Amino acid sequence: MILESAHVLGFLLAVSLIAAGMVLICFCLRKKDRLASAYRCQQLQSKLEIHQIQIRTRALNLKQYDFQEYNLKEILMCQISPKWHSKA
């Protein structure tokens, strides 16, 4: 009976150490994932701010542009397509 209880205690000790190791690995991976996610969110936030500044700048420039003064039909004149000489 004593021999069996020693084996059971040894088995329980081994299983509990393996379970504790798995929990520790899980917490370490979770922390690493959180840090990577926070870094990625920070990068996306900075890119979003840059793009919002560009959108505001372009909208301001469009408001200042007078389409009546600059007639686009006069500016965008049709260009004659070049005639290619074929060698026959």
PDB file of N, CA and C in Angstrom:
ATOM      1  N   MET A   1       0.817  -1.188   0.000  1.00  0.00           N
ATOM      2  CA  MET A   1       0.000   0.000   0.000  1.00  0.00           C
ATOM      3  C   MET A   1       0.866   1.260   0.000  1.00  0.00           C
ATOM      4  N   ILE A   2       1.952   1.225   0.727  1.00  0.00           N
ATOM      5  CA  ILE A   2       2.844   2.380   0.789  1.00  0.00           C
ATOM      6  C   ILE A   2       3.502   2.596  -0.570  1.00  0.00           C
ATOM      7  N   LEU A   3       3.854   1.525  -1.217  1.00  0.00           N
ATOM      8  CA  LEU A   3       4.487   1.614  -2.527  1.00  0.00           C
ATOM      9  C   LEU A   3       3.538   2.231  -3.545  1.00  0.00           C
ATOM     10  N   GLU A   4       2.299   1.854  -3.505  1.00  0.00           N
ATOM     11  CA  GLU A   4       1.319   2.405  -4.437  1.00  0.00           C
ATOM     12  C   GLU A   4       1.094   3.892  -4.190  1.00  0.00           C
ATOM     13  N   SER A   5       1.024   4.316  -2.946  1.00  0.00           N
ATOM     14  CA  SER A   5       0.810   5.735  -2.659  1.00  0.00           C
ATOM     15  C   SER A   5       2.021   6.564  -3.076  1.00  0.00           C
ATOM     16  N   ALA A   6       3.220   5.999  -2.989  1.00  0.00           N
ATOM     17  CA  ALA A   6       4.417   6.708  -3.436  1.00  0.00           C
ATOM     18  C   ALA A   6       4.379   6.899  -4.949  1.00  0.00           C
ATOM     19  N   HIS A   7       3.946   5.878  -5.661  1.00  0.00           N
ATOM     20  CA  HIS A   7       3.830   5.996  -7.119  1.00  0.00           C
ATOM     21  C   HIS A   7       2.763   7.022  -7.507  1.00  0.00           C
ATOM     22  N   VAL A   8       1.663   7.024  -6.782  1.00  0.00           N
ATOM     23  CA  VAL A   8       0.589   7.981  -7.062  1.00  0.00           C
ATOM     24  C   VAL A   8       1.065   9.398  -6.789  1.00  0.00           C
ATOM     25  N   LEU A   9       1.783   9.598  -5.683  1.00  0.00           N
ATOM     26  CA  LEU A   9       2.299  10.932  -5.370  1.00  0.00           C
ATOM     27  C   LEU A   9       3.330  11.380  -6.403  1.00  0.00           C
ATOM     28  N   GLY A  10       4.174  10.469  -6.847  1.00  0.00           N
ATOM     29  CA  GLY A  10       5.149  10.800  -7.889  1.00  0.00           C
ATOM     30  C   GLY A  10       4.459  11.167  -9.191  1.00  0.00           C
ATOM     31  N   PHE A  11       3.436  10.408  -9.529  1.00  0.00           N
ATOM     32  CA  PHE A  11       2.671  10.707 -10.746  1.00  0.00           C
ATOM     33  C   PHE A  11       1.984  12.066 -10.643  1.00  0.00           C
ATOM     34  N   LEU A  12       1.362  12.324  -9.480  1.00  0.00           N
ATOM     35  CA  LEU A  12       0.687  13.609  -9.294  1.00  0.00           C
ATOM     36  C   LEU A  12       1.674  14.765  -9.326  1.00  0.00           C
ATOM     37  N   LEU A  13       2.858  14.572  -8.762  1.00  0.00           N
ATOM     38  CA  LEU A  13       3.879  15.617  -8.794  1.00  0.00           C
ATOM     39  C   LEU A  13       4.311  15.899 -10.233  1.00  0.00           C
ATOM     40  N   ALA A  14       4.542  14.850 -11.004  1.00  0.00           N
ATOM     41  CA  ALA A  14       4.957  15.031 -12.398  1.00  0.00           C
ATOM     42  C   ALA A  14       3.867  15.725 -13.214  1.00  0.00           C
ATOM     43  N   VAL A  15       2.633  15.296 -13.032  1.00  0.00           N
ATOM     44  CA  VAL A  15       1.525  15.893 -13.778  1.00  0.00           C
ATOM     45  C   VAL A  15       1.336  17.349 -13.378  1.00  0.00           C
ATOM     46  N   SER A  16       1.446  17.648 -12.092  1.00  0.00           N
ATOM     47  CA  SER A  16       1.265  19.033 -11.650  1.00  0.00           C
ATOM     48  C   SER A  16       2.396  19.922 -12.159  1.00  0.00           C
ATOM     49  N   LEU A  17       3.626  19.402 -12.231  1.00  0.00           N
ATOM     50  CA  LEU A  17       4.734  20.186 -12.791  1.00  0.00           C
ATOM     51  C   LEU A  17       4.518  20.452 -14.283  1.00  0.00           C
ATOM     52  N   ILE A  18       4.057  19.448 -14.995  1.00  0.00           N
ATOM     53  CA  ILE A  18       3.781  19.636 -16.428  1.00  0.00           C
ATOM     54  C   ILE A  18       2.656  20.654 -16.622  1.00  0.00           C
ATOM     55  N   ALA A  19       1.610  20.562 -15.806  1.00  0.00           N
ATOM     56  CA  ALA A  19       0.491  21.507 -15.920  1.00  0.00           C
ATOM     57  C   ALA A  19       0.941  22.920 -15.577  1.00  0.00           C
ATOM     58  N   ALA A  20       1.769  23.060 -14.531  1.00  0.00           N
ATOM     59  CA  ALA A  20       2.274  24.388 -14.163  1.00  0.00           C
ATOM     60  C   ALA A  20       3.147  24.953 -15.279  1.00  0.00           C
ATOM     61  N   GLY A  21       3.953  24.104 -15.909  1.00  0.00           N
ATOM     62  CA  GLY A  21       4.777  24.549 -17.034  1.00  0.00           C
ATOM     63  C   GLY A  21       3.934  25.002 -18.209  1.00  0.00           C
ATOM     64  N   MET A  22       2.874  24.283 -18.483  1.00  0.00           N
ATOM     65  CA  MET A  22       1.987  24.668 -19.587  1.00  0.00           C
ATOM     66  C   MET A  22       1.294  25.996 -19.303  1.00  0.00           C
ATOM     67  N   VAL A  23       0.873  26.203 -18.058  1.00  0.00           N
ATOM     68  CA  VAL A  23       0.237  27.469 -17.687  1.00  0.00           C
ATOM     69  C   VAL A  23       1.237  28.611 -17.807  1.00  0.00           C
ATOM     70  N   LEU A  24       2.479  28.387 -17.372  1.00  0.00           N
ATOM     71  CA  LEU A  24       3.514  29.415 -17.465  1.00  0.00           C
ATOM     72  C   LEU A  24       3.805  29.766 -18.922  1.00  0.00           C
ATOM     73  N   ILE A  25       3.902  28.757 -19.766  1.00  0.00           N
ATOM     74  CA  ILE A  25       4.130  29.001 -21.197  1.00  0.00           C
ATOM     75  C   ILE A  25       2.962  29.777 -21.797  1.00  0.00           C
ATOM     76  N   CYS A  26       1.752  29.438 -21.394  1.00  0.00           N
ATOM     77  CA  CYS A  26       0.562  30.131 -21.899  1.00  0.00           C
ATOM     78  C   CYS A  26       0.593  31.607 -21.519  1.00  0.00           C
ATOM     79  N   PHE A  27       0.961  31.901 -20.267  1.00  0.00           N
ATOM     80  CA  PHE A  27       1.025  33.297 -19.830  1.00  0.00           C
ATOM     81  C   PHE A  27       2.124  34.063 -20.565  1.00  0.00           C
ATOM     82  N   CYS A  28       3.262  33.412 -20.795  1.00  0.00           N
ATOM     83  CA  CYS A  28       4.347  34.077 -21.522  1.00  0.00           C
ATOM     84  C   CYS A  28       3.940  34.379 -22.962  1.00  0.00           C
ATOM     85  N   LEU A  29       3.303  33.415 -23.609  1.00  0.00           N
ATOM     86  CA  LEU A  29       2.854  33.635 -24.989  1.00  0.00           C
ATOM     87  C   LEU A  29       1.781  34.713 -25.065  1.00  0.00           C
ATOM     88  N   ARG A  30       0.916  34.742 -24.071  1.00  0.00           N
ATOM     89  CA  ARG A  30      -0.140  35.752 -24.035  1.00  0.00           C
ATOM     90  C   ARG A  30       0.453  37.150 -23.873  1.00  0.00           C
ATOM     91  N   LYS A  31       1.472  37.272 -23.018  1.00  0.00           N
ATOM     92  CA  LYS A  31       2.126  38.566 -22.821  1.00  0.00           C
ATOM     93  C   LYS A  31       2.822  39.014 -24.105  1.00  0.00           C
ATOM     94  N   LYS A  32       3.507  38.078 -24.769  1.00  0.00           N
ATOM     95  CA  LYS A  32       4.181  38.399 -26.024  1.00  0.00           C
ATOM     96  C   LYS A  32       3.177  38.837 -27.081  1.00  0.00           C
ATOM     97  N   ASP A  33       2.043  38.161 -27.150  1.00  0.00           N
ATOM     98  CA  ASP A  33       1.004  38.501 -28.116  1.00  0.00           C
ATOM     99  C   ASP A  33       0.411  39.876 -27.827  1.00  0.00           C
ATOM    100  N   ARG A  34       0.218  40.183 -26.555  1.00  0.00           N
ATOM    101  CA  ARG A  34      -0.313  41.506 -26.197  1.00  0.00           C
ATOM    102  C   ARG A  34       0.653  42.616 -26.581  1.00  0.00           C
ATOM    103  N   LEU A  35       1.954  42.403 -26.351  1.00  0.00           N
ATOM    104  CA  LEU A  35       2.940  43.417 -26.722  1.00  0.00           C
ATOM    105  C   LEU A  35       2.979  43.622 -28.233  1.00  0.00           C
ATOM    106  N   ALA A  36       2.931  42.526 -28.985  1.00  0.00           N
ATOM    107  CA  ALA A  36       2.937  42.634 -30.449  1.00  0.00           C
ATOM    108  C   ALA A  36       1.676  43.333 -30.943  1.00  0.00           C
ATOM    109  N   SER A  37       0.551  43.035 -30.328  1.00  0.00           N
ATOM    110  CA  SER A  37      -0.709  43.668 -30.722  1.00  0.00           C
ATOM    111  C   SER A  37      -0.697  45.160 -30.401  1.00  0.00           C
ATOM    112  N   ALA A  38      -0.161  45.522 -29.241  1.00  0.00           N
ATOM    113  CA  ALA A  38      -0.087  46.940 -28.874  1.00  0.00           C
ATOM    114  C   ALA A  38       0.828  47.698 -29.831  1.00  0.00           C
ATOM    115  N   TYR A  39       1.939  47.080 -30.226  1.00  0.00           N
ATOM    116  CA  TYR A  39       2.858  47.716 -31.168  1.00  0.00           C
ATOM    117  C   TYR A  39       2.192  47.909 -32.524  1.00  0.00           C
ATOM    118  N   ARG A  40       1.476  46.891 -32.981  1.00  0.00           N
ATOM    119  CA  ARG A  40       0.780  46.980 -34.270  1.00  0.00           C
ATOM    120  C   ARG A  40      -0.309  48.052 -34.233  1.00  0.00           C
ATOM    121  N   CYS A  41      -1.043  48.127 -33.131  1.00  0.00           N
ATOM    122  CA  CYS A  41      -2.084  49.156 -32.995  1.00  0.00           C
ATOM    123  C   CYS A  41      -1.470  50.553 -33.012  1.00  0.00           C
ATOM    124  N   GLN A  42      -0.304  50.700 -32.382  1.00  0.00           N
ATOM    125  CA  GLN A  42       0.370  51.998 -32.367  1.00  0.00           C
ATOM    126  C   GLN A  42       0.803  52.389 -33.781  1.00  0.00           C
ATOM    127  N   GLN A  43       1.321  51.425 -34.539  1.00  0.00           N
ATOM    128  CA  GLN A  43       1.702  51.706 -35.921  1.00  0.00           C
ATOM    129  C   GLN A  43       0.491  52.113 -36.757  1.00  0.00           C
ATOM    130  N   LEU A  44      -0.601  51.391 -36.611  1.00  0.00           N
ATOM    131  CA  LEU A  44      -1.806  51.711 -37.376  1.00  0.00           C
ATOM    132  C   LEU A  44      -2.367  53.073 -36.991  1.00  0.00           C
ATOM    133  N   GLN A  45      -2.291  53.409 -35.706  1.00  0.00           N
ATOM    134  CA  GLN A  45      -2.783  54.711 -35.252  1.00  0.00           C
ATOM    135  C   GLN A  45      -1.960  55.840 -35.856  1.00  0.00           C
ATOM    136  N   SER A  46      -0.638  55.681 -35.901  1.00  0.00           N
ATOM    137  CA  SER A  46       0.195  56.731 -36.485  1.00  0.00           C
ATOM    138  C   SER A  46      -0.052  56.854 -37.988  1.00  0.00           C
ATOM    139  N   LYS A  47      -0.244  55.728 -38.683  1.00  0.00           N
ATOM    140  CA  LYS A  47      -0.557  55.793 -40.112  1.00  0.00           C
ATOM    141  C   LYS A  47      -1.906  56.460 -40.346  1.00  0.00           C
ATOM    142  N   LEU A  48      -2.868  56.165 -39.490  1.00  0.00           N
ATOM    143  CA  LEU A  48      -4.188  56.772 -39.612  1.00  0.00           C
ATOM    144  C   LEU A  48      -4.111  58.283 -39.424  1.00  0.00           C
ATOM    145  N   GLU A  49      -3.322  58.741 -38.469  1.00  0.00           N
ATOM    146  CA  GLU A  49      -3.167  60.181 -38.254  1.00  0.00           C
ATOM    147  C   GLU A  49      -2.536  60.852 -39.466  1.00  0.00           C
ATOM    148  N   ILE A  50      -1.526  60.204 -40.051  1.00  0.00           N
ATOM    149  CA  ILE A  50      -0.880  60.764 -41.246  1.00  0.00           C
ATOM    150  C   ILE A  50      -1.878  60.870 -42.395  1.00  0.00           C
ATOM    151  N   HIS A  51      -2.670  59.833 -42.605  1.00  0.00           N
ATOM    152  CA  HIS A  51      -3.644  59.848 -43.701  1.00  0.00           C
ATOM    153  C   HIS A  51      -4.754  60.870 -43.455  1.00  0.00           C
ATOM    154  N   GLN A  52      -5.153  61.051 -42.210  1.00  0.00           N
ATOM    155  CA  GLN A  52      -6.174  62.058 -41.914  1.00  0.00           C
ATOM    156  C   GLN A  52      -5.646  63.460 -42.194  1.00  0.00           C
ATOM    157  N   ILE A  53      -4.380  63.704 -41.900  1.00  0.00           N
ATOM    158  CA  ILE A  53      -3.771  65.005 -42.211  1.00  0.00           C
ATOM    159  C   ILE A  53      -3.757  65.219 -43.723  1.00  0.00           C
ATOM    160  N   GLN A  54      -3.411  64.175 -44.479  1.00  0.00           N
ATOM    161  CA  GLN A  54      -3.402  64.289 -45.937  1.00  0.00           C
ATOM    162  C   GLN A  54      -4.801  64.558 -46.481  1.00  0.00           C
ATOM    163  N   ILE A  55      -5.801  63.912 -45.928  1.00  0.00           N
ATOM    164  CA  ILE A  55      -7.179  64.128 -46.380  1.00  0.00           C
ATOM    165  C   ILE A  55      -7.612  65.558 -46.093  1.00  0.00           C
ATOM    166  N   ARG A  56      -7.299  66.048 -44.895  1.00  0.00           N
ATOM    167  CA  ARG A  56      -7.667  67.434 -44.564  1.00  0.00           C
ATOM    168  C   ARG A  56      -6.958  68.426 -45.481  1.00  0.00           C
ATOM    169  N   THR A  57      -5.680  68.177 -45.776  1.00  0.00           N
ATOM    170  CA  THR A  57      -4.924  69.073 -46.654  1.00  0.00           C
ATOM    171  C   THR A  57      -5.517  69.076 -48.058  1.00  0.00           C
ATOM    172  N   ARG A  58      -5.848  67.912 -48.570  1.00  0.00           N
ATOM    173  CA  ARG A  58      -6.426  67.828 -49.918  1.00  0.00           C
ATOM    174  C   ARG A  58      -7.808  68.470 -49.976  1.00  0.00           C
ATOM    175  N   ALA A  59      -8.597  68.282 -48.925  1.00  0.00           N
ATOM    176  CA  ALA A  59      -9.923  68.909 -48.894  1.00  0.00           C
ATOM    177  C   ALA A  59      -9.792  70.428 -48.858  1.00  0.00           C
ATOM    178  N   LEU A  60      -8.830  70.929 -48.099  1.00  0.00           N
ATOM    179  CA  LEU A  60      -8.608  72.377 -48.033  1.00  0.00           C
ATOM    180  C   LEU A  60      -8.160  72.912 -49.385  1.00  0.00           C
ATOM    181  N   ASN A  61      -7.274  72.190 -50.052  1.00  0.00           N
ATOM    182  CA  ASN A  61      -6.818  72.628 -51.373  1.00  0.00           C
ATOM    183  C   ASN A  61      -7.951  72.605 -52.391  1.00  0.00           C
ATOM    184  N   LEU A  62      -8.840  71.623 -52.302  1.00  0.00           N
ATOM    185  CA  LEU A  62      -9.984  71.593 -53.214  1.00  0.00           C
ATOM    186  C   LEU A  62     -10.939  72.751 -52.955  1.00  0.00           C
ATOM    187  N   LYS A  63     -11.106  73.135 -51.705  1.00  0.00           N
ATOM    188  CA  LYS A  63     -11.975  74.275 -51.390  1.00  0.00           C
ATOM    189  C   LYS A  63     -11.397  75.569 -51.944  1.00  0.00           C
ATOM    190  N   GLN A  64     -10.071  75.676 -51.958  1.00  0.00           N
ATOM    191  CA  GLN A  64      -9.433  76.902 -52.426  1.00  0.00           C
ATOM    192  C   GLN A  64      -9.344  76.962 -53.951  1.00  0.00           C
ATOM    193  N   TYR A  65      -9.489  75.844 -54.620  1.00  0.00           N
ATOM    194  CA  TYR A  65      -9.369  75.800 -56.070  1.00  0.00           C
ATOM    195  C   TYR A  65     -10.647  76.332 -56.698  1.00  0.00           C
ATOM    196  N   ASP A  66     -10.501  77.279 -57.580  1.00  0.00           N
ATOM    197  CA  ASP A  66     -11.647  77.890 -58.253  1.00  0.00           C
ATOM    198  C   ASP A  66     -11.821  77.223 -59.620  1.00  0.00           C
ATOM    199  N   PHE A  67     -12.831  76.374 -59.724  1.00  0.00           N
ATOM    200  CA  PHE A  67     -13.046  75.646 -60.965  1.00  0.00           C
ATOM    201  C   PHE A  67     -13.568  76.556 -62.074  1.00  0.00           C
ATOM    202  N   GLN A  68     -14.208  77.651 -61.719  1.00  0.00           N
ATOM    203  CA  GLN A  68     -14.700  78.576 -62.738  1.00  0.00           C
ATOM    204  C   GLN A  68     -13.549  79.325 -63.393  1.00  0.00           C
ATOM    205  N   GLU A  69     -12.532  79.648 -62.610  1.00  0.00           N
ATOM    206  CA  GLU A  69     -11.406  80.402 -63.150  1.00  0.00           C
ATOM    207  C   GLU A  69     -10.546  79.515 -64.051  1.00  0.00           C
ATOM    208  N   TYR A  70     -10.336  78.312 -63.618  1.00  0.00           N
ATOM    209  CA  TYR A  70      -9.510  77.393 -64.392  1.00  0.00           C
ATOM    210  C   TYR A  70     -10.435  76.408 -65.095  1.00  0.00           C
ATOM    211  N   ASN A  71     -10.724  76.691 -66.319  1.00  0.00           N
ATOM    212  CA  ASN A  71     -11.610  75.835 -67.090  1.00  0.00           C
ATOM    213  C   ASN A  71     -10.840  74.584 -67.511  1.00  0.00           C
ATOM    214  N   LEU A  72     -11.288  73.463 -67.023  1.00  0.00           N
ATOM    215  CA  LEU A  72     -10.555  72.233 -67.290  1.00  0.00           C
ATOM    216  C   LEU A  72     -10.637  71.811 -68.750  1.00  0.00           C
ATOM    217  N   LYS A  73     -11.703  72.210 -69.437  1.00  0.00           N
ATOM    218  CA  LYS A  73     -11.808  71.841 -70.851  1.00  0.00           C
ATOM    219  C   LYS A  73     -10.732  72.535 -71.674  1.00  0.00           C
ATOM    220  N   GLU A  74     -10.377  73.738 -71.300  1.00  0.00           N
ATOM    221  CA  GLU A  74      -9.329  74.451 -72.025  1.00  0.00           C
ATOM    222  C   GLU A  74      -7.953  73.891 -71.686  1.00  0.00           C
ATOM    223  N   ILE A  75      -7.796  73.458 -70.460  1.00  0.00           N
ATOM    224  CA  ILE A  75      -6.493  72.942 -70.047  1.00  0.00           C
ATOM    225  C   ILE A  75      -6.247  71.558 -70.637  1.00  0.00           C
ATOM    226  N   LEU A  76      -7.271  70.735 -70.605  1.00  0.00           N
ATOM    227  CA  LEU A  76      -7.120  69.368 -71.093  1.00  0.00           C
ATOM    228  C   LEU A  76      -7.519  69.295 -72.559  1.00  0.00           C
ATOM    229  N   MET A  77      -6.650  69.757 -73.414  1.00  0.00           N
ATOM    230  CA  MET A  77      -6.933  69.758 -74.845  1.00  0.00           C
ATOM    231  C   MET A  77      -6.626  68.377 -75.412  1.00  0.00           C
ATOM    232  N   CYS A  78      -7.357  68.043 -76.452  1.00  0.00           N
ATOM    233  CA  CYS A  78      -7.123  66.757 -77.106  1.00  0.00           C
ATOM    234  C   CYS A  78      -5.773  66.790 -77.802  1.00  0.00           C
ATOM    235  N   GLN A  79      -5.043  65.733 -77.635  1.00  0.00           N
ATOM    236  CA  GLN A  79      -3.749  65.635 -78.296  1.00  0.00           C
ATOM    237  C   GLN A  79      -3.889  64.723 -79.505  1.00  0.00           C
ATOM    238  N   ILE A  80      -3.211  65.121 -80.537  1.00  0.00           N
ATOM    239  CA  ILE A  80      -3.240  64.324 -81.757  1.00  0.00           C
ATOM    240  C   ILE A  80      -2.347  63.111 -81.537  1.00  0.00           C
ATOM    241  N   SER A  81      -2.884  61.961 -81.843  1.00  0.00           N
ATOM    242  CA  SER A  81      -2.091  60.748 -81.648  1.00  0.00           C
ATOM    243  C   SER A  81      -1.034  60.659 -82.737  1.00  0.00           C
ATOM    244  N   PRO A  82       0.154  60.215 -82.397  1.00  0.00           N
ATOM    245  CA  PRO A  82       1.222  60.147 -83.412  1.00  0.00           C
ATOM    246  C   PRO A  82       0.941  59.039 -84.420  1.00  0.00           C
ATOM    247  N   LYS A  83       1.378  59.293 -85.640  1.00  0.00           N
ATOM    248  CA  LYS A  83       1.219  58.294 -86.697  1.00  0.00           C
ATOM    249  C   LYS A  83       2.497  57.473 -86.746  1.00  0.00           C
ATOM    250  N   TRP A  84       2.340  56.206 -86.566  1.00  0.00           N
ATOM    251  CA  TRP A  84       3.493  55.313 -86.564  1.00  0.00           C
ATOM    252  C   TRP A  84       3.724  54.820 -87.989  1.00  0.00           C
ATOM    253  N   HIS A  85       4.961  54.892 -88.397  1.00  0.00           N
ATOM    254  CA  HIS A  85       5.323  54.413 -89.734  1.00  0.00           C
ATOM    255  C   HIS A  85       5.614  52.930 -89.627  1.00  0.00           C
ATOM    256  N   SER A  86       4.888  52.178 -90.388  1.00  0.00           N
ATOM    257  CA  SER A  86       5.106  50.731 -90.353  1.00  0.00           C
ATOM    258  C   SER A  86       6.103  50.352 -91.433  1.00  0.00           C
ATOM    259  N   LYS A  87       6.985  49.457 -91.077  1.00  0.00           N
ATOM    260  CA  LYS A  87       7.970  48.972 -92.045  1.00  0.00           C
ATOM    261  C   LYS A  87       7.406  47.716 -92.693  1.00  0.00           C
ATOM    262  N   ALA A  88       7.186  47.792 -93.989  1.00  0.00           N
ATOM    263  CA  ALA A  88       6.610  46.643 -94.688  1.00  0.00           C
ATOM    264  C   ALA A  88       7.593  46.053 -95.642  1.00  0.00           C
TER     265      ALA A  88
END
